[in-house]
PDB file of N, CA and C in Angstrom:
ATOM      1  N   MET A   1      72.072  65.339 111.233  1.00  0.00           N
ATOM      2  CA  MET A   1      72.872  66.531 111.095  1.00  0.00           C
ATOM      3  C   MET A   1      71.941  67.714 110.873  1.00  0.00           C
ATOM      4  N   GLU A   2      72.201  68.819 111.564  1.00  0.00           N
ATOM      5  CA  GLU A   2      71.367  69.998 111.428  1.00  0.00           C
ATOM      6  C   GLU A   2      71.824  70.828 110.246  1.00  0.00           C
ATOM      7  N   ASP A   3      70.861  71.492 109.600  1.00  0.00           N
ATOM      8  CA  ASP A   3      71.155  72.425 108.528  1.00  0.00           C
ATOM      9  C   ASP A   3      71.992  73.566 109.087  1.00  0.00           C
ATOM     10  N   SER A   4      72.951  74.073 108.310  1.00  0.00           N
ATOM     11  CA  SER A   4      73.834  75.114 108.813  1.00  0.00           C
ATOM     12  C   SER A   4      73.073  76.369 109.228  1.00  0.00           C
ATOM     13  N   LEU A   5      71.924  76.631 108.633  1.00  0.00           N
ATOM     14  CA  LEU A   5      71.138  77.794 109.009  1.00  0.00           C
ATOM     15  C   LEU A   5      70.523  77.633 110.396  1.00  0.00           C
ATOM     16  N   ALA A   6      70.361  76.400 110.834  1.00  0.00           N
ATOM     17  CA  ALA A   6      69.743  76.132 112.133  1.00  0.00           C
ATOM     18  C   ALA A   6      70.757  76.143 113.271  1.00  0.00           C
ATOM     19  N   ILE A   7      72.029  76.277 112.956  1.00  0.00           N
ATOM     20  CA  ILE A   7      73.047  76.297 114.003  1.00  0.00           C
ATOM     21  C   ILE A   7      73.085  77.705 114.587  1.00  0.00           C
ATOM     22  N   ASN A   8      72.612  77.811 115.803  1.00  0.00           N
ATOM     23  CA  ASN A   8      72.572  79.098 116.475  1.00  0.00           C
ATOM     24  C   ASN A   8      72.929  78.887 117.941  1.00  0.00           C
ATOM     25  N   ARG A   9      72.830  79.954 118.711  1.00  0.00           N
ATOM     26  CA  ARG A   9      73.181  79.890 120.124  1.00  0.00           C
ATOM     27  C   ARG A   9      72.362  78.828 120.857  1.00  0.00           C
ATOM     28  N   GLN A  10      71.084  78.743 120.559  1.00  0.00           N
ATOM     29  CA  GLN A  10      70.217  77.778 121.242  1.00  0.00           C
ATOM     30  C   GLN A  10      70.642  76.339 120.932  1.00  0.00           C
ATOM     31  N   THR A  11      71.012  76.077 119.695  1.00  0.00           N
ATOM     32  CA  THR A  11      71.472  74.744 119.307  1.00  0.00           C
ATOM     33  C   THR A  11      72.752  74.376 120.057  1.00  0.00           C
ATOM     34  N   VAL A  12      73.698  75.295 120.083  1.00  0.00           N
ATOM     35  CA  VAL A  12      74.975  75.033 120.756  1.00  0.00           C
ATOM     36  C   VAL A  12      74.753  74.875 122.256  1.00  0.00           C
ATOM     37  N   LEU A  13      73.919  75.712 122.830  1.00  0.00           N
ATOM     38  CA  LEU A  13      73.635  75.611 124.261  1.00  0.00           C
ATOM     39  C   LEU A  13      72.988  74.265 124.593  1.00  0.00           C
ATOM     40  N   ARG A  14      72.115  73.795 123.734  1.00  0.00           N
ATOM     41  CA  ARG A  14      71.497  72.474 123.943  1.00  0.00           C
ATOM     42  C   ARG A  14      72.580  71.392 123.978  1.00  0.00           C
ATOM     43  N   LEU A  15      73.540  71.457 123.060  1.00  0.00           N
ATOM     44  CA  LEU A  15      74.615  70.467 123.022  1.00  0.00           C
ATOM     45  C   LEU A  15      75.480  70.535 124.282  1.00  0.00           C
ATOM     46  N   VAL A  16      75.756  71.748 124.743  1.00  0.00           N
ATOM     47  CA  VAL A  16      76.537  71.918 125.974  1.00  0.00           C
ATOM     48  C   VAL A  16      75.770  71.321 127.153  1.00  0.00           C
ATOM     49  N   PHE A  17      74.476  71.628 127.250  1.00  0.00           N
ATOM     50  CA  PHE A  17      73.669  71.112 128.366  1.00  0.00           C
ATOM     51  C   PHE A  17      73.533  69.591 128.310  1.00  0.00           C
ATOM     52  N   GLU A  18      73.403  69.025 127.122  1.00  0.00           N
ATOM     53  CA  GLU A  18      73.330  67.563 127.001  1.00  0.00           C
ATOM     54  C   GLU A  18      74.638  66.927 127.456  1.00  0.00           C
ATOM     55  N   THR A  19      75.745  67.574 127.135  1.00  0.00           N
ATOM     56  CA  THR A  19      77.048  67.075 127.575  1.00  0.00           C
ATOM     57  C   THR A  19      77.160  67.192 129.092  1.00  0.00           C
ATOM     58  N   MET A  20      76.650  68.270 129.653  1.00  0.00           N
ATOM     59  CA  MET A  20      76.643  68.429 131.109  1.00  0.00           C
ATOM     60  C   MET A  20      75.834  67.313 131.763  1.00  0.00           C
ATOM     61  N   ASP A  21      74.690  66.969 131.171  1.00  0.00           N
ATOM     62  CA  ASP A  21      73.878  65.870 131.703  1.00  0.00           C
ATOM     63  C   ASP A  21      74.692  64.579 131.745  1.00  0.00           C
ATOM     64  N   GLU A  22      75.421  64.325 130.666  1.00  0.00           N
ATOM     65  CA  GLU A  22      76.221  63.096 130.583  1.00  0.00           C
ATOM     66  C   GLU A  22      77.340  63.097 131.630  1.00  0.00           C
ATOM     67  N   ILE A  23      78.010  64.224 131.783  1.00  0.00           N
ATOM     68  CA  ILE A  23      79.075  64.340 132.787  1.00  0.00           C
ATOM     69  C   ILE A  23      78.502  64.212 134.197  1.00  0.00           C
ATOM     70  N   ASN A  24      77.325  64.810 134.417  1.00  0.00           N
ATOM     71  CA  ASN A  24      76.709  64.761 135.751  1.00  0.00           C
ATOM     72  C   ASN A  24      76.417  63.333 136.202  1.00  0.00           C
ATOM     73  N   GLU A  25      76.206  62.432 135.263  1.00  0.00           N
ATOM     74  CA  GLU A  25      75.954  61.032 135.613  1.00  0.00           C
ATOM     75  C   GLU A  25      77.147  60.409 136.327  1.00  0.00           C
ATOM     76  N   THR A  26      78.332  60.981 136.125  1.00  0.00           N
ATOM     77  CA  THR A  26      79.551  60.424 136.711  1.00  0.00           C
ATOM     78  C   THR A  26      80.019  61.188 137.948  1.00  0.00           C
ATOM     79  N   LEU A  27      79.348  62.285 138.265  1.00  0.00           N
ATOM     80  CA  LEU A  27      79.780  63.137 139.372  1.00  0.00           C
ATOM     81  C   LEU A  27      78.906  62.949 140.609  1.00  0.00           C
ATOM     82  N   PRO A  28      79.499  63.115 141.797  1.00  0.00           N
ATOM     83  CA  PRO A  28      78.675  63.100 143.007  1.00  0.00           C
ATOM     84  C   PRO A  28      77.725  64.309 142.977  1.00  0.00           C
ATOM     85  N   GLU A  29      76.636  64.201 143.688  1.00  0.00           N
ATOM     86  CA  GLU A  29      75.596  65.232 143.638  1.00  0.00           C
ATOM     87  C   GLU A  29      76.126  66.638 143.954  1.00  0.00           C
ATOM     88  N   ASP A  30      77.033  66.751 144.903  1.00  0.00           N
ATOM     89  CA  ASP A  30      77.543  68.072 145.281  1.00  0.00           C
ATOM     90  C   ASP A  30      78.525  68.668 144.274  1.00  0.00           C
ATOM     91  N   ARG A  31      78.923  67.908 143.269  1.00  0.00           N
ATOM     92  CA  ARG A  31      79.863  68.394 142.242  1.00  0.00           C
ATOM     93  C   ARG A  31      79.199  68.526 140.871  1.00  0.00           C
ATOM     94  N   GLN A  32      77.903  68.253 140.791  1.00  0.00           N
ATOM     95  CA  GLN A  32      77.223  68.276 139.497  1.00  0.00           C
ATOM     96  C   GLN A  32      77.094  69.694 138.952  1.00  0.00           C
ATOM     97  N   LEU A  33      77.085  69.775 137.635  1.00  0.00           N
ATOM     98  CA  LEU A  33      77.021  71.042 136.923  1.00  0.00           C
ATOM     99  C   LEU A  33      75.573  71.491 136.761  1.00  0.00           C
ATOM    100  N   GLU A  34      75.308  72.733 137.122  1.00  0.00           N
ATOM    101  CA  GLU A  34      73.981  73.311 136.941  1.00  0.00           C
ATOM    102  C   GLU A  34      73.873  73.797 135.498  1.00  0.00           C
ATOM    103  N   LYS A  35      72.754  73.500 134.864  1.00  0.00           N
ATOM    104  CA  LYS A  35      72.570  73.909 133.472  1.00  0.00           C
ATOM    105  C   LYS A  35      72.120  75.369 133.432  1.00  0.00           C
ATOM    106  N   SER A  36      73.123  76.259 133.333  1.00  0.00           N
ATOM    107  CA  SER A  36      72.908  77.697 133.321  1.00  0.00           C
ATOM    108  C   SER A  36      74.061  78.353 132.568  1.00  0.00           C
ATOM    109  N   ASN A  37      73.793  79.489 131.926  1.00  0.00           N
ATOM    110  CA  ASN A  37      74.850  80.215 131.205  1.00  0.00           C
ATOM    111  C   ASN A  37      76.003  80.616 132.113  1.00  0.00           C
ATOM    112  N   GLY A  38      75.698  80.912 133.357  1.00  0.00           N
ATOM    113  CA  GLY A  38      76.724  81.385 134.270  1.00  0.00           C
ATOM    114  C   GLY A  38      77.467  80.305 135.018  1.00  0.00           C
ATOM    115  N   THR A  39      77.136  79.055 134.772  1.00  0.00           N
ATOM    116  CA  THR A  39      77.801  77.959 135.485  1.00  0.00           C
ATOM    117  C   THR A  39      79.299  77.987 135.235  1.00  0.00           C
ATOM    118  N   GLN A  40      80.056  78.037 136.323  1.00  0.00           N
ATOM    119  CA  GLN A  40      81.511  78.031 136.256  1.00  0.00           C
ATOM    120  C   GLN A  40      81.989  76.609 135.979  1.00  0.00           C
ATOM    121  N   LEU A  41      82.763  76.443 134.930  1.00  0.00           N
ATOM    122  CA  LEU A  41      83.306  75.130 134.587  1.00  0.00           C
ATOM    123  C   LEU A  41      84.694  74.940 135.178  1.00  0.00           C
ATOM    124  N   LEU A  42      85.479  75.997 135.172  1.00  0.00           N
ATOM    125  CA  LEU A  42      86.874  75.923 135.573  1.00  0.00           C
ATOM    126  C   LEU A  42      87.179  77.118 136.459  1.00  0.00           C
ATOM    127  N   GLY A  43      88.147  76.965 137.319  1.00  0.00           N
ATOM    128  CA  GLY A  43      88.531  78.072 138.187  1.00  0.00           C
ATOM    129  C   GLY A  43      88.113  77.816 139.625  1.00  0.00           C
ATOM    130  N   ARG A  44      88.228  78.845 140.428  1.00  0.00           N
ATOM    131  CA  ARG A  44      87.975  78.720 141.869  1.00  0.00           C
ATOM    132  C   ARG A  44      86.584  78.185 142.175  1.00  0.00           C
ATOM    133  N   ASP A  45      85.579  78.675 141.472  1.00  0.00           N
ATOM    134  CA  ASP A  45      84.203  78.236 141.723  1.00  0.00           C
ATOM    135  C   ASP A  45      83.742  77.135 140.767  1.00  0.00           C
ATOM    136  N   GLY A  46      84.661  76.646 139.932  1.00  0.00           N
ATOM    137  CA  GLY A  46      84.311  75.601 138.970  1.00  0.00           C
ATOM    138  C   GLY A  46      84.109  74.253 139.636  1.00  0.00           C
ATOM    139  N   LYS A  47      83.272  73.443 139.028  1.00  0.00           N
ATOM    140  CA  LYS A  47      82.962  72.117 139.568  1.00  0.00           C
ATOM    141  C   LYS A  47      83.843  71.019 138.969  1.00  0.00           C
ATOM    142  N   LEU A  48      84.531  71.328 137.872  1.00  0.00           N
ATOM    143  CA  LEU A  48      85.324  70.311 137.185  1.00  0.00           C
ATOM    144  C   LEU A  48      86.802  70.444 137.536  1.00  0.00           C
ATOM    145  N   ASP A  49      87.437  69.314 137.813  1.00  0.00           N
ATOM    146  CA  ASP A  49      88.882  69.310 137.936  1.00  0.00           C
ATOM    147  C   ASP A  49      89.451  69.162 136.518  1.00  0.00           C
ATOM    148  N   SER A  50      90.759  69.101 136.393  1.00  0.00           N
ATOM    149  CA  SER A  50      91.361  69.062 135.058  1.00  0.00           C
ATOM    150  C   SER A  50      90.937  67.828 134.265  1.00  0.00           C
ATOM    151  N   LEU A  51      90.868  66.675 134.924  1.00  0.00           N
ATOM    152  CA  LEU A  51      90.436  65.457 134.232  1.00  0.00           C
ATOM    153  C   LEU A  51      88.959  65.561 133.828  1.00  0.00           C
ATOM    154  N   GLY A  52      88.148  66.120 134.696  1.00  0.00           N
ATOM    155  CA  GLY A  52      86.733  66.316 134.381  1.00  0.00           C
ATOM    156  C   GLY A  52      86.546  67.247 133.209  1.00  0.00           C
ATOM    157  N   LEU A  53      87.366  68.305 133.137  1.00  0.00           N
ATOM    158  CA  LEU A  53      87.284  69.240 132.012  1.00  0.00           C
ATOM    159  C   LEU A  53      87.677  68.558 130.705  1.00  0.00           C
ATOM    160  N   VAL A  54      88.725  67.757 130.746  1.00  0.00           N
ATOM    161  CA  VAL A  54      89.149  67.038 129.541  1.00  0.00           C
ATOM    162  C   VAL A  54      88.037  66.108 129.058  1.00  0.00           C
ATOM    163  N   SER A  55      87.429  65.379 129.968  1.00  0.00           N
ATOM    164  CA  SER A  55      86.318  64.486 129.599  1.00  0.00           C
ATOM    165  C   SER A  55      85.156  65.272 129.005  1.00  0.00           C
ATOM    166  N   PHE A  56      84.827  66.389 129.626  1.00  0.00           N
ATOM    167  CA  PHE A  56      83.743  67.246 129.147  1.00  0.00           C
ATOM    168  C   PHE A  56      84.032  67.734 127.727  1.00  0.00           C
ATOM    169  N   ILE A  57      85.250  68.212 127.488  1.00  0.00           N
ATOM    170  CA  ILE A  57      85.625  68.734 126.173  1.00  0.00           C
ATOM    171  C   ILE A  57      85.543  67.645 125.108  1.00  0.00           C
ATOM    172  N   ILE A  58      86.056  66.469 125.408  1.00  0.00           N
ATOM    173  CA  ILE A  58      86.029  65.362 124.444  1.00  0.00           C
ATOM    174  C   ILE A  58      84.589  64.995 124.097  1.00  0.00           C
ATOM    175  N   LEU A  59      83.754  64.861 125.108  1.00  0.00           N
ATOM    176  CA  LEU A  59      82.345  64.518 124.857  1.00  0.00           C
ATOM    177  C   LEU A  59      81.641  65.602 124.047  1.00  0.00           C
ATOM    178  N   LEU A  60      81.927  66.854 124.354  1.00  0.00           N
ATOM    179  CA  LEU A  60      81.287  67.959 123.640  1.00  0.00           C
ATOM    180  C   LEU A  60      81.755  68.026 122.183  1.00  0.00           C
ATOM    181  N   GLU A  61      83.044  67.840 121.946  1.00  0.00           N
ATOM    182  CA  GLU A  61      83.554  67.815 120.567  1.00  0.00           C
ATOM    183  C   GLU A  61      82.890  66.686 119.773  1.00  0.00           C
ATOM    184  N   GLN A  62      82.748  65.517 120.381  1.00  0.00           N
ATOM    185  CA  GLN A  62      82.100  64.385 119.712  1.00  0.00           C
ATOM    186  C   GLN A  62      80.637  64.696 119.412  1.00  0.00           C
ATOM    187  N   ARG A  63      79.949  65.301 120.370  1.00  0.00           N
ATOM    188  CA  ARG A  63      78.526  65.630 120.194  1.00  0.00           C
ATOM    189  C   ARG A  63      78.347  66.643 119.051  1.00  0.00           C
ATOM    190  N   VAL A  64      79.198  67.659 118.996  1.00  0.00           N
ATOM    191  CA  VAL A  64      79.126  68.655 117.922  1.00  0.00           C
ATOM    192  C   VAL A  64      79.352  67.978 116.576  1.00  0.00           C
ATOM    193  N   ASP A  65      80.339  67.114 116.505  1.00  0.00           N
ATOM    194  CA  ASP A  65      80.633  66.421 115.250  1.00  0.00           C
ATOM    195  C   ASP A  65      79.476  65.516 114.832  1.00  0.00           C
ATOM    196  N   GLU A  66      78.948  64.744 115.776  1.00  0.00           N
ATOM    197  CA  GLU A  66      77.860  63.811 115.456  1.00  0.00           C
ATOM    198  C   GLU A  66      76.574  64.531 115.063  1.00  0.00           C
ATOM    199  N   GLU A  67      76.213  65.567 115.790  1.00  0.00           N
ATOM    200  CA  GLU A  67      74.926  66.222 115.558  1.00  0.00           C
ATOM    201  C   GLU A  67      74.967  67.330 114.516  1.00  0.00           C
ATOM    202  N   LEU A  68      76.109  67.997 114.380  1.00  0.00           N
ATOM    203  CA  LEU A  68      76.196  69.108 113.443  1.00  0.00           C
ATOM    204  C   LEU A  68      77.064  68.792 112.233  1.00  0.00           C
ATOM    205  N   GLY A  69      77.781  67.680 112.296  1.00  0.00           N
ATOM    206  CA  GLY A  69      78.641  67.314 111.183  1.00  0.00           C
ATOM    207  C   GLY A  69      79.832  68.234 111.017  1.00  0.00           C
ATOM    208  N   ARG A  70      80.268  68.828 112.111  1.00  0.00           N
ATOM    209  CA  ARG A  70      81.395  69.747 112.069  1.00  0.00           C
ATOM    210  C   ARG A  70      82.421  69.339 113.111  1.00  0.00           C
ATOM    211  N   GLY A  71      83.621  69.069 112.677  1.00  0.00           N
ATOM    212  CA  GLY A  71      84.693  68.743 113.605  1.00  0.00           C
ATOM    213  C   GLY A  71      85.340  70.022 114.118  1.00  0.00           C
ATOM    214  N   ILE A  72      85.344  70.197 115.416  1.00  0.00           N
ATOM    215  CA  ILE A  72      86.005  71.349 116.022  1.00  0.00           C
ATOM    216  C   ILE A  72      86.960  70.863 117.100  1.00  0.00           C
ATOM    217  N   THR A  73      87.969  71.677 117.375  1.00  0.00           N
ATOM    218  CA  THR A  73      88.911  71.401 118.453  1.00  0.00           C
ATOM    219  C   THR A  73      88.789  72.519 119.463  1.00  0.00           C
ATOM    220  N   LEU A  74      88.315  72.180 120.644  1.00  0.00           N
ATOM    221  CA  LEU A  74      88.082  73.191 121.671  1.00  0.00           C
ATOM    222  C   LEU A  74      89.335  73.535 122.461  1.00  0.00           C
ATOM    223  N   ALA A  75      90.146  72.546 122.763  1.00  0.00           N
ATOM    224  CA  ALA A  75      91.331  72.773 123.599  1.00  0.00           C
ATOM    225  C   ALA A  75      92.573  72.806 122.721  1.00  0.00           C
ATOM    226  N   ASP A  76      92.929  73.992 122.314  1.00  0.00           N
ATOM    227  CA  ASP A  76      94.151  74.158 121.535  1.00  0.00           C
ATOM    228  C   ASP A  76      94.848  75.439 121.998  1.00  0.00           C
ATOM    229  N   GLU A  77      95.956  75.758 121.370  1.00  0.00           N
ATOM    230  CA  GLU A  77      96.739  76.923 121.766  1.00  0.00           C
ATOM    231  C   GLU A  77      95.910  78.205 121.686  1.00  0.00           C
ATOM    232  N   ARG A  78      95.078  78.289 120.677  1.00  0.00           N
ATOM    233  CA  ARG A  78      94.231  79.472 120.500  1.00  0.00           C
ATOM    234  C   ARG A  78      93.305  79.670 121.697  1.00  0.00           C
ATOM    235  N   ALA A  79      92.669  78.606 122.139  1.00  0.00           N
ATOM    236  CA  ALA A  79      91.749  78.698 123.281  1.00  0.00           C
ATOM    237  C   ALA A  79      92.510  79.039 124.556  1.00  0.00           C
ATOM    238  N   MET A  80      93.671  78.428 124.734  1.00  0.00           N
ATOM    239  CA  MET A  80      94.427  78.613 125.969  1.00  0.00           C
ATOM    240  C   MET A  80      95.091  79.987 126.059  1.00  0.00           C
ATOM    241  N   SER A  81      95.301  80.644 124.919  1.00  0.00           N
ATOM    242  CA  SER A  81      95.991  81.934 124.933  1.00  0.00           C
ATOM    243  C   SER A  81      95.036  83.121 125.087  1.00  0.00           C
ATOM    244  N   ARG A  82      93.754  82.877 125.126  1.00  0.00           N
ATOM    245  CA  ARG A  82      92.789  83.974 125.264  1.00  0.00           C
ATOM    246  C   ARG A  82      92.795  84.537 126.673  1.00  0.00           C
ATOM    247  N   SER A  83      92.605  85.848 126.762  1.00  0.00           N
ATOM    248  CA  SER A  83      92.529  86.466 128.081  1.00  0.00           C
ATOM    249  C   SER A  83      91.228  86.074 128.785  1.00  0.00           C
ATOM    250  N   LYS A  84      90.182  85.807 128.019  1.00  0.00           N
ATOM    251  CA  LYS A  84      88.884  85.373 128.558  1.00  0.00           C
ATOM    252  C   LYS A  84      88.720  83.898 128.182  1.00  0.00           C
ATOM    253  N   SER A  85      89.034  83.013 129.111  1.00  0.00           N
ATOM    254  CA  SER A  85      89.039  81.576 128.823  1.00  0.00           C
ATOM    255  C   SER A  85      87.660  81.088 128.372  1.00  0.00           C
ATOM    256  N   PRO A  86      87.616  80.326 127.278  1.00  0.00           N
ATOM    257  CA  PRO A  86      86.344  79.757 126.845  1.00  0.00           C
ATOM    258  C   PRO A  86      85.819  78.689 127.807  1.00  0.00           C
ATOM    259  N   PHE A  87      86.640  78.265 128.747  1.00  0.00           N
ATOM    260  CA  PHE A  87      86.240  77.203 129.670  1.00  0.00           C
ATOM    261  C   PHE A  87      85.857  77.739 131.053  1.00  0.00           C
ATOM    262  N   ARG A  88      85.851  79.031 131.199  1.00  0.00           N
ATOM    263  CA  ARG A  88      85.517  79.624 132.497  1.00  0.00           C
ATOM    264  C   ARG A  88      84.057  79.371 132.858  1.00  0.00           C
ATOM    265  N   ASN A  89      83.152  79.584 131.889  1.00  0.00           N
ATOM    266  CA  ASN A  89      81.735  79.341 132.157  1.00  0.00           C
ATOM    267  C   ASN A  89      81.016  78.929 130.872  1.00  0.00           C
ATOM    268  N   VAL A  90      79.768  78.552 131.015  1.00  0.00           N
ATOM    269  CA  VAL A  90      78.985  78.036 129.888  1.00  0.00           C
ATOM    270  C   VAL A  90      78.819  79.099 128.807  1.00  0.00           C
ATOM    271  N   GLU A  91      78.591  80.339 129.200  1.00  0.00           N
ATOM    272  CA  GLU A  91      78.402  81.405 128.206  1.00  0.00           C
ATOM    273  C   GLU A  91      79.646  81.601 127.353  1.00  0.00           C
ATOM    274  N   ASN A  92      80.819  81.668 127.975  1.00  0.00           N
ATOM    275  CA  ASN A  92      82.064  81.810 127.217  1.00  0.00           C
ATOM    276  C   ASN A  92      82.275  80.622 126.281  1.00  0.00           C
ATOM    277  N   LEU A  93      81.982  79.428 126.767  1.00  0.00           N
ATOM    278  CA  LEU A  93      82.157  78.228 125.954  1.00  0.00           C
ATOM    279  C   LEU A  93      81.208  78.234 124.754  1.00  0.00           C
ATOM    280  N   THR A  94      79.971  78.618 124.979  1.00  0.00           N
ATOM    281  CA  THR A  94      78.991  78.694 123.890  1.00  0.00           C
ATOM    282  C   THR A  94      79.447  79.697 122.834  1.00  0.00           C
ATOM    283  N   ASP A  95      79.909  80.861 123.263  1.00  0.00           N
ATOM    284  CA  ASP A  95      80.412  81.878 122.326  1.00  0.00           C
ATOM    285  C   ASP A  95      81.576  81.338 121.508  1.00  0.00           C
ATOM    286  N   TYR A  96      82.485  80.635 122.175  1.00  0.00           N
ATOM    287  CA  TYR A  96      83.664  80.098 121.495  1.00  0.00           C
ATOM    288  C   TYR A  96      83.272  79.025 120.472  1.00  0.00           C
ATOM    289  N   ILE A  97      82.352  78.173 120.826  1.00  0.00           N
ATOM    290  CA  ILE A  97      81.906  77.141 119.886  1.00  0.00           C
ATOM    291  C   ILE A  97      81.249  77.791 118.679  1.00  0.00           C
ATOM    292  N   LEU A  98      80.409  78.781 118.897  1.00  0.00           N
ATOM    293  CA  LEU A  98      79.775  79.490 117.771  1.00  0.00           C
ATOM    294  C   LEU A  98      80.831  80.115 116.857  1.00  0.00           C
ATOM    295  N   GLU A  99      81.860  80.693 117.450  1.00  0.00           N
ATOM    296  CA  GLU A  99      82.951  81.269 116.671  1.00  0.00           C
ATOM    297  C   GLU A  99      83.637  80.203 115.810  1.00  0.00           C
ATOM    298  N   LEU A 100      83.935  79.066 116.409  1.00  0.00           N
ATOM    299  CA  LEU A 100      84.588  77.978 115.664  1.00  0.00           C
ATOM    300  C   LEU A 100      83.685  77.443 114.550  1.00  0.00           C
ATOM    301  N   LEU A 101      82.390  77.317 114.826  1.00  0.00           N
ATOM    302  CA  LEU A 101      81.454  76.813 113.821  1.00  0.00           C
ATOM    303  C   LEU A 101      81.317  77.784 112.651  1.00  0.00           C
ATOM    304  N   GLU A 102      81.345  79.078 112.935  1.00  0.00           N
ATOM    305  CA  GLU A 102      81.287  80.069 111.855  1.00  0.00           C
ATOM    306  C   GLU A 102      82.489  79.942 110.941  1.00  0.00           C
ATOM    307  N   GLU A 103      83.652  79.669 111.536  1.00  0.00           N
ATOM    308  CA  GLU A 103      84.875  79.517 110.748  1.00  0.00           C
ATOM    309  C   GLU A 103      84.857  78.261 109.872  1.00  0.00           C
ATOM    310  N   THR A 104      84.144  77.225 110.297  1.00  0.00           N
ATOM    311  CA  THR A 104      84.116  75.983 109.534  1.00  0.00           C
ATOM    312  C   THR A 104      82.961  75.926 108.545  1.00  0.00           C
ATOM    313  N   ALA A 105      82.136  76.986 108.522  1.00  0.00           N
ATOM    314  CA  ALA A 105      80.967  77.008 107.628  1.00  0.00           C
ATOM    315  C   ALA A 105      81.387  77.146 106.173  1.00  0.00           C
TER     316      ALA A 105
END
């Protein structure tokens, strides 16, 4: 478990990228996620279908809990009601996770 002072954007981005690596193991090469802040997760240019997004979210929530000792829920009414979806791209998702982690500190 990481010290709460060490939880920053780089830590969260590492967890997102590690989860992407795990998801990529199950995807065909042309559907794999590029590890970049601008990578589209959902939407017209997104690589994940709805089932893929659910799997990604579950794995990421587990990784955050295991490595940071913080239980967060990424897919809830709050996330879905935002005008800027946290699942649109990696940058939005990273920002949203940081927001949730700050609230649980």
